[in-house]
C-alpha cells in the first residue's frame, strides 16, 4: 500500500505542478490518472519513485516514508517499475541483453536465470522472435513492449506507466494497450498516466482526475466518465468548450457574436452549416421573440460543443413570458425544428439562483450526406 500525504512539488522556476496531493493506493489497484496537460500527472509518478524529489509531504510505501533521509531508495525502487513514454532502451544492446542486464546487475541473478526470465517475458509480450534484434530494428510499439518486459523482469509490486502510448503511431497503440490489459488482470498494483479515455475506462478500477496541482475528483470509471460531479471534470470528460452571452436589450451586437461563433467553429472544426443553423435559432428565439416581446429582457445564452459526442448545443435561459418555439412565424425556423438532427427541449426552471424562469435547449447533430 502507498499513502501519499500533503505532497507538494515546487520547481526552481517557481512552477508548482503538485500543490497538495492526498491519496491512498491499495494493493491491486489499477489507477488511471487523467487530466489536462500540465496538471502534475507525470510529476506525481516521478515523485512516487523519487525520480523527482518532493518539496514537502510524505510518501509511505509499505509503512516506510521514502521521503525521509536514511531511506534505502534502491530497495524501495526494486518494488517499483516505471515505463516511460520514451522507451529508454540501450541502443548498443540486443533486446535480450536489455532485459537481462538489469536483472544481473541489480538483482544478482545468474545469466541463465536472467535469460530464462527474459525469454519467458518476451513470449508473454509477443516478441520472442526479436531477442537478438537491436532496438532500432523494432517498431515503436515493439520497443515499448520490450520496455514493459524489462520492467516486469525486475518483479515489481507496483508498476508506474507514464503515458506509455503517447510516443506511438496510432496503429501501434493497441498492441501496447493489450499488454497492459494483460498485466491489469495479474493483480499487480498499477498507476497509469494516459490521455486514452476509453483505455482508462476499460482497464482501471479507480480514476484520478488531476487539475491545477490537485486530485480534483476521483471515483470508479463509471462515476467519473458517466456521472462526474465537478465542473472541470465534466468539461474534460466531454471535451466541452463554451461561449456565454448575457442579453439585456435589443441593442445586443449580433454581428460580433456571429464573428466569435465563426472563430469558435473554425477552432473546433465545427461545420459552417451547423453553426448557421444555431445562428438562425438564436435570432428567431432570442431576438425576434424573447427580447422583442420584453421591455426589460434578461436572457442568458450558452453555446457549447462536445467534441466527444460531436453535438453543438445552445441553451437559452430567460425571464418573463414563456415562448413556445413551435409557435414561431418563421418557416425557415420551423423547417429547422423538423430536421431529425435537431433536438429541442422546453422547460420551466424552479429555484434558479439567477431568477431565470424558462429554458430552451437545442442540440444540433451532424450527419454526413
Protein backbone atom coordinates (compact mmCIF):
# COMPACT_ATOMS: atom_id res chain seq x y z
CA UNK A 1 0.00 0.00 0.00
CA UNK A 2 1.12 3.55 -0.77
CA UNK A 3 -0.06 6.52 1.27
CA UNK A 4 0.62 10.00 -0.09
CA UNK A 5 0.01 12.88 2.32
CA UNK A 6 0.13 16.60 1.51
CA UNK A 7 2.60 16.08 -1.31
CA UNK A 8 3.88 19.30 -2.83
CA UNK A 9 6.46 19.98 -5.54
CA UNK A 10 7.88 23.38 -6.45
CA UNK A 11 10.47 23.64 -9.23
CA UNK A 12 13.31 26.17 -9.31
CA UNK A 13 11.39 28.42 -11.71
CA UNK A 14 8.55 28.60 -9.12
CA UNK A 15 6.30 26.31 -11.17
CA UNK A 16 4.12 24.28 -8.79
CA UNK A 17 2.92 21.12 -10.54
CA UNK A 18 1.78 19.49 -7.27
CA UNK A 19 0.12 21.68 -4.65
CA UNK A 20 -1.44 19.29 -2.16
CA UNK A 21 -1.87 15.62 -3.06
CA UNK A 22 -3.59 13.19 -0.68
CA UNK A 23 -4.30 9.66 -1.87
CA UNK A 24 -4.12 6.06 -0.69
CA UNK A 25 -3.20 3.41 -3.27
CA UNK A 26 -4.30 -0.06 -2.23
CA UNK A 27 -2.62 -3.30 -3.21
CA UNK A 28 -4.04 -4.47 -6.53
CA UNK A 29 -5.42 -1.08 -7.55
CA UNK A 30 -5.28 -0.22 -11.24
CA UNK A 31 -5.47 3.56 -11.25
CA UNK A 32 -5.61 5.75 -14.34
CA UNK A 33 -4.58 9.37 -13.87
CA UNK A 34 -6.24 11.73 -16.32
CA UNK A 35 -6.49 15.48 -16.76
CA UNK A 36 -5.31 18.37 -18.92
CA UNK A 37 -1.63 18.73 -19.82
CA UNK A 38 0.50 20.48 -17.22
CA UNK A 39 -1.57 19.47 -14.19
CA UNK A 40 1.13 17.41 -12.48
CA UNK A 41 0.25 13.87 -13.58
CA UNK A 42 3.76 12.81 -14.65
CA UNK A 43 5.36 14.71 -11.76
CA UNK A 44 3.23 12.70 -9.34
CA UNK A 45 4.53 9.42 -10.75
CA UNK A 46 8.12 10.62 -10.70
CA UNK A 47 7.74 11.69 -7.07
CA UNK A 48 6.29 8.31 -6.08
CA UNK A 49 9.51 6.53 -7.10
CA UNK A 50 11.65 9.52 -6.06
CA UNK A 51 13.00 10.30 -9.51
CA UNK A 52 11.73 13.75 -8.64
CA UNK A 53 12.26 14.85 -5.02
CA UNK A 54 9.13 16.32 -3.41
CA UNK A 55 9.35 19.75 -1.81
CA UNK A 56 7.23 18.65 1.15
CA UNK A 57 4.81 15.97 2.24
CA UNK A 58 5.23 12.24 2.67
CA UNK A 59 5.10 9.09 0.53
CA UNK A 60 4.70 5.98 2.67
CA UNK A 61 5.35 2.66 0.93
CA UNK A 62 4.54 -0.43 3.00
CA UNK A 63 4.87 1.61 6.18
CA UNK A 64 8.14 3.36 5.27
CA UNK A 65 8.29 7.09 4.47
CA UNK A 66 10.56 7.18 1.42
CA UNK A 67 10.94 10.98 1.58
CA UNK A 68 12.90 10.74 4.84
CA UNK A 69 16.69 10.84 4.93
CA UNK A 70 18.25 7.46 5.50
CA UNK A 71 15.66 5.61 3.47
CA UNK A 72 17.22 3.00 1.19
CA UNK A 73 15.75 4.16 -2.11
CA UNK A 74 17.41 1.38 -4.09
CA UNK A 75 15.48 -1.21 -2.10
CA UNK A 76 12.25 0.73 -2.48
CA UNK A 77 12.76 1.12 -6.23
CA UNK A 78 13.10 -2.66 -6.55
CA UNK A 79 9.42 -2.77 -5.60
CA UNK A 80 8.50 -0.23 -8.29
CA UNK A 81 8.90 -0.43 -12.03
CA UNK A 82 8.40 2.54 -14.31
CA UNK A 83 7.57 2.55 -18.01
CA UNK A 84 8.23 5.89 -19.70
CA UNK A 85 6.73 7.39 -22.85
CA UNK A 86 10.22 7.25 -24.36
CA UNK A 87 11.32 3.64 -24.31
CA UNK A 88 14.79 4.22 -22.77
CA UNK A 89 16.27 1.06 -24.25
CA UNK A 90 20.04 0.79 -24.71
CA UNK A 91 20.67 1.02 -28.44
CA UNK A 92 24.00 -0.85 -28.33
CA UNK A 93 22.45 -3.89 -26.61
CA UNK A 94 20.24 -6.56 -28.15
CA UNK A 95 16.68 -6.95 -26.92
CA UNK A 96 17.56 -9.93 -24.73
CA UNK A 97 20.54 -8.05 -23.26
CA UNK A 98 18.32 -5.04 -22.46
CA UNK A 99 16.16 -7.30 -20.30
CA UNK A 100 18.91 -9.49 -18.82
CA UNK A 101 21.41 -6.83 -17.71
CA UNK A 102 19.27 -5.08 -15.04
CA UNK A 103 18.42 -8.46 -13.51
CA UNK A 104 22.10 -9.41 -13.26
CA UNK A 105 23.31 -6.01 -12.05
CA UNK A 106 20.52 -5.09 -9.60
CA UNK A 107 19.02 -8.39 -8.52
CA UNK A 108 22.15 -10.54 -8.64
CA UNK A 109 20.64 -13.21 -10.85
CA UNK A 110 22.83 -15.56 -12.83
CA UNK A 111 22.99 -15.13 -16.60
CA UNK A 112 20.93 -18.29 -17.07
CA UNK A 113 18.24 -17.13 -14.64
CA UNK A 114 18.11 -13.72 -16.29
CA UNK A 115 17.96 -15.28 -19.74
CA UNK A 116 15.13 -17.64 -18.80
CA UNK A 117 13.14 -14.80 -17.25
CA UNK A 118 13.72 -12.55 -20.26
CA UNK A 119 12.66 -15.24 -22.74
CA UNK A 120 9.51 -16.00 -20.77
CA UNK A 121 8.51 -12.31 -20.69
CA UNK A 122 9.30 -11.74 -24.35
CA UNK A 123 6.98 -14.63 -25.15
CA UNK A 124 4.33 -13.01 -22.96
CA UNK A 125 4.53 -9.74 -24.90
CA UNK A 126 4.73 -11.49 -28.28
CA UNK A 127 8.36 -10.70 -29.13
CA UNK A 128 10.21 -14.00 -28.65
CA UNK A 129 11.37 -13.83 -32.28
CA UNK A 130 13.16 -10.49 -31.70
CA UNK A 131 15.59 -11.49 -28.96
CA UNK A 132 18.74 -10.82 -30.99
CA UNK A 133 17.49 -7.69 -32.74
CA UNK A 134 18.58 -4.22 -31.68
CA UNK A 135 16.05 -1.59 -30.56
CA UNK A 136 16.32 0.49 -33.77
CA UNK A 137 15.25 -2.59 -35.75
CA UNK A 138 11.88 -2.65 -33.95
CA UNK A 139 8.79 -0.50 -34.34
CA UNK A 140 7.81 1.93 -31.60
CA UNK A 141 5.11 -0.40 -30.34
CA UNK A 142 7.54 -3.30 -30.20
CA UNK A 143 10.11 -1.19 -28.33
CA UNK A 144 7.52 -0.20 -25.76
CA UNK A 145 6.56 -3.85 -25.25
CA UNK A 146 10.25 -4.63 -24.67
CA UNK A 147 10.39 -1.78 -22.13
CA UNK A 148 7.40 -3.31 -20.33
CA UNK A 149 9.06 -6.75 -20.35
CA UNK A 150 12.24 -5.22 -18.92
CA UNK A 151 10.21 -3.67 -16.11
CA UNK A 152 8.43 -6.95 -15.38
CA UNK A 153 11.75 -8.78 -15.24
CA UNK A 154 12.51 -6.95 -12.00
CA UNK A 155 9.38 -8.48 -10.35
CA UNK A 156 8.00 -5.15 -9.13
CA UNK A 157 4.99 -4.95 -6.80
CA UNK A 158 3.98 -1.64 -8.35
CA UNK A 159 4.25 -0.52 -11.97
CA UNK A 160 4.05 3.16 -12.94
CA UNK A 161 3.21 3.95 -16.57
CA UNK A 162 3.89 7.50 -17.73
CA UNK A 163 1.82 7.93 -20.94
CA UNK A 164 3.09 4.64 -22.37
CA UNK A 165 1.39 5.11 -25.75
CA UNK A 166 1.86 8.86 -26.33
CA UNK A 167 5.01 8.44 -28.47
CA UNK A 168 3.46 5.78 -30.69
CA UNK A 169 1.76 5.92 -34.05
CA UNK A 170 -2.00 5.23 -33.75
CA UNK A 171 -1.57 1.85 -35.43
CA UNK A 172 0.78 0.71 -32.64
CA UNK A 173 -1.20 1.87 -29.60
CA UNK A 174 -3.45 -1.18 -29.47
CA UNK A 175 -0.62 -3.69 -29.18
CA UNK A 176 0.84 -1.92 -26.13
CA UNK A 177 -2.57 -1.47 -24.53
CA UNK A 178 -3.21 -5.20 -24.91
CA UNK A 179 -0.08 -6.00 -22.89
CA UNK A 180 -1.09 -3.52 -20.16
CA UNK A 181 -4.60 -5.02 -20.03
CA UNK A 182 -3.00 -8.44 -19.54
CA UNK A 183 -0.96 -7.07 -16.63
CA UNK A 184 -4.03 -5.44 -15.07
CA UNK A 185 -5.57 -8.90 -14.69
CA UNK A 186 -2.50 -10.22 -12.89
CA UNK A 187 -3.26 -8.46 -9.59
CA UNK A 188 -0.35 -6.04 -9.74
CA UNK A 189 -0.75 -2.53 -8.43
CA UNK A 190 -0.58 -0.14 -11.38
CA UNK A 191 -0.79 3.63 -11.91
CA UNK A 192 -1.16 4.83 -15.48
CA UNK A 193 -0.98 8.40 -16.74
CA UNK A 194 -2.90 8.39 -20.00
CA UNK A 195 -4.82 10.55 -22.46
CA UNK A 196 -6.62 7.50 -23.85
CA UNK A 197 -10.00 7.82 -22.16
CA UNK A 198 -11.57 4.61 -23.47
CA UNK A 199 -8.49 2.68 -22.40
CA UNK A 200 -8.57 4.23 -18.91
CA UNK A 201 -12.24 3.36 -18.55
CA UNK A 202 -11.79 -0.28 -19.50
CA UNK A 203 -8.62 -1.07 -17.59
CA UNK A 204 -9.00 0.75 -14.26
CA UNK A 205 -10.86 0.23 -11.02
CA UNK A 206 -10.15 3.84 -9.99
CA UNK A 207 -9.79 7.09 -11.90
CA UNK A 208 -7.98 10.18 -10.60
CA UNK A 209 -8.76 13.44 -12.38
CA UNK A 210 -5.97 15.95 -11.76
CA UNK A 211 -6.39 19.66 -12.22
CA UNK A 212 -4.24 22.62 -11.16
CA UNK A 213 -1.92 20.54 -8.99
CA UNK A 214 -4.64 18.73 -7.05
CA UNK A 215 -6.59 15.50 -7.29
CA UNK A 216 -9.72 17.38 -8.26
CA UNK A 217 -12.07 14.38 -8.37
CA UNK A 218 -11.74 10.62 -8.02
CA UNK A 219 -14.03 7.64 -8.35
CA UNK A 220 -14.78 4.49 -10.28
CA UNK A 221 -14.64 4.65 -14.09
CA UNK A 222 -18.44 4.72 -14.17
CA UNK A 223 -18.62 7.58 -11.68
CA UNK A 224 -16.03 9.71 -13.45
CA UNK A 225 -16.97 9.01 -17.06
CA UNK A 226 -20.74 8.83 -16.70
CA UNK A 227 -21.58 10.87 -13.60
CA UNK A 228 -18.78 13.36 -12.85
CA UNK A 229 -19.72 15.70 -10.02
CA UNK A 230 -17.42 18.66 -10.58
CA UNK A 231 -17.49 21.17 -13.41
CA UNK A 232 -13.91 20.85 -14.65
CA UNK A 233 -14.20 17.06 -14.68
CA UNK A 234 -17.38 17.30 -16.74
CA UNK A 235 -15.70 19.62 -19.20
CA UNK A 236 -12.65 17.41 -19.58
CA UNK A 237 -14.60 14.18 -19.97
CA UNK A 238 -16.96 15.62 -22.54
CA UNK A 239 -14.29 17.90 -24.04
CA UNK A 240 -16.67 20.81 -23.80
CA UNK A 241 -15.88 24.30 -24.97
CA UNK A 242 -18.42 27.05 -24.47
CA UNK A 243 -19.35 30.66 -25.17
CA UNK A 244 -21.73 32.59 -22.91
CA UNK A 245 -23.77 35.70 -23.70
CA UNK A 246 -25.98 37.89 -21.48
CA UNK A 247 -28.66 39.85 -23.38
CA UNK A 248 -30.37 42.75 -21.62
CA UNK A 249 -31.53 44.91 -24.53
CA UNK A 250 -32.43 44.83 -28.22
CA UNK A 251 -29.09 46.54 -28.92
CA UNK A 252 -27.20 43.25 -28.48
CA UNK A 253 -24.36 43.08 -31.04
CA UNK A 254 -25.35 40.07 -33.15
CA UNK A 255 -22.59 40.72 -35.70
CA UNK A 256 -19.89 40.50 -33.03
CA UNK A 257 -21.45 37.28 -31.74
CA UNK A 258 -21.50 35.81 -35.25
CA UNK A 259 -17.84 36.66 -35.73
CA UNK A 260 -17.00 34.99 -32.42
CA UNK A 261 -19.06 31.92 -33.35
CA UNK A 262 -17.27 31.66 -36.68
CA UNK A 263 -13.86 31.73 -34.98
CA UNK A 264 -15.14 29.24 -32.40
CA UNK A 265 -16.30 26.90 -35.16
CA UNK A 266 -13.02 27.12 -37.05
CA UNK A 267 -11.05 26.35 -33.90
CA UNK A 268 -13.14 23.28 -33.07
CA UNK A 269 -13.71 22.19 -36.68
CA UNK A 270 -17.50 22.58 -36.47
CA UNK A 271 -19.22 22.62 -39.85
CA UNK A 272 -20.32 26.09 -41.06
CA UNK A 273 -23.78 24.70 -41.88
CA UNK A 274 -24.32 23.62 -38.29
CA UNK A 275 -23.20 26.99 -36.93
CA UNK A 276 -25.54 28.68 -39.41
CA UNK A 277 -28.46 26.66 -38.03
CA UNK A 278 -27.55 27.67 -34.49
CA UNK A 279 -27.39 31.33 -35.52
CA UNK A 280 -30.82 31.09 -37.16
CA UNK A 281 -32.24 29.53 -33.99
CA UNK A 282 -30.63 32.21 -31.83
CA UNK A 283 -32.05 35.08 -33.87
CA UNK A 284 -35.56 33.59 -34.00
CA UNK A 285 -35.79 32.53 -30.35
CA UNK A 286 -33.89 35.32 -28.63
CA UNK A 287 -34.03 38.43 -30.78
CA UNK A 288 -37.30 38.04 -32.72
CA UNK A 289 -39.32 36.78 -29.78
CA UNK A 290 -37.98 36.82 -26.22
CA UNK A 291 -36.12 40.15 -26.48
CA UNK A 292 -38.63 41.73 -28.86
CA UNK A 293 -41.57 40.93 -26.55
CA UNK A 294 -40.00 42.21 -23.33
CA UNK A 295 -39.45 45.74 -22.08
CA UNK A 296 -36.58 44.62 -19.84
CA UNK A 297 -35.19 41.43 -21.37
CA UNK A 298 -32.83 39.23 -19.37
CA UNK A 299 -31.56 36.31 -21.40
CA UNK A 300 -28.59 34.03 -20.76
CA UNK A 301 -27.32 32.13 -23.83
CA UNK A 302 -24.71 29.39 -23.62
CA UNK A 303 -23.24 27.80 -26.76
CA UNK A 304 -21.40 24.57 -26.07
CA UNK A 305 -19.70 21.94 -28.22
CA UNK A 306 -18.85 18.39 -27.13
CA UNK A 307 -16.03 17.00 -29.26
CA UNK A 308 -16.54 13.52 -27.85
CA UNK A 309 -20.27 13.42 -28.68
CA UNK A 310 -19.99 15.75 -31.69
CA UNK A 311 -23.01 17.75 -30.55
CA UNK A 312 -23.42 21.53 -30.75
CA UNK A 313 -25.81 22.84 -28.07
CA UNK A 314 -27.49 26.18 -27.45
CA UNK A 315 -29.03 26.74 -24.02
CA UNK A 316 -31.31 29.77 -23.56
CA UNK A 317 -32.45 30.76 -20.05
CA UNK A 318 -34.80 33.73 -19.70
CA UNK A 319 -37.34 35.59 -17.53
CA UNK A 320 -40.80 36.80 -18.34
CA UNK A 321 -43.43 35.39 -20.67
CA UNK A 322 -42.86 31.86 -21.89
CA UNK A 323 -42.12 31.38 -25.60
CA UNK A 324 -43.12 28.17 -27.39
CA UNK A 325 -40.65 27.54 -30.20
CA UNK A 326 -43.31 25.76 -32.25
CA UNK A 327 -45.42 28.94 -32.39
CA UNK A 328 -42.73 30.69 -34.43
CA UNK A 329 -43.85 32.55 -37.53
CA UNK A 330 -40.61 31.70 -39.34
CA UNK A 331 -40.93 28.84 -41.83
CA UNK A 332 -37.14 28.52 -42.00
CA UNK A 333 -37.01 28.03 -38.26
CA UNK A 334 -39.90 25.54 -38.24
CA UNK A 335 -38.21 23.58 -41.01
CA UNK A 336 -35.06 23.51 -38.86
CA UNK A 337 -37.04 22.13 -35.91
CA UNK A 338 -38.39 19.37 -38.15
CA UNK A 339 -34.91 18.11 -39.06
CA UNK A 340 -34.05 14.77 -37.40
CA UNK A 341 -30.63 16.11 -36.41
CA UNK A 342 -32.18 18.90 -34.31
CA UNK A 343 -33.38 18.18 -30.76
CA UNK A 344 -35.40 20.63 -28.67
CA UNK A 345 -36.33 20.82 -25.00
CA UNK A 346 -38.51 23.46 -23.34
CA UNK A 347 -38.82 23.56 -19.54
CA UNK A 348 -39.75 25.80 -16.68
CA UNK A 349 -36.94 26.41 -14.17
CA UNK A 350 -37.52 26.17 -10.44
CA UNK A 351 -35.40 27.91 -7.80
CA UNK A 352 -32.77 29.26 -10.19
CA UNK A 353 -30.32 31.43 -8.20
CA UNK A 354 -30.24 33.99 -11.02
CA UNK A 355 -34.02 34.12 -11.21
CA UNK A 356 -34.48 32.61 -14.67
CA UNK A 357 -37.91 31.09 -15.18
CA UNK A 358 -37.76 29.27 -18.52
CA UNK A 359 -35.24 27.26 -20.51
CA UNK A 360 -34.92 26.22 -24.14
CA UNK A 361 -32.23 23.74 -25.14
CA UNK A 362 -31.39 22.94 -28.76
CA UNK A 363 -28.90 20.30 -29.87
CA UNK A 364 -27.53 20.17 -33.41
CA UNK A 365 -26.07 16.89 -34.55
CA UNK A 366 -24.20 16.41 -37.80
CA UNK A 367 -24.98 13.66 -40.27
CA UNK A 368 -22.96 13.45 -43.49
CA UNK A 369 -24.97 13.15 -46.67
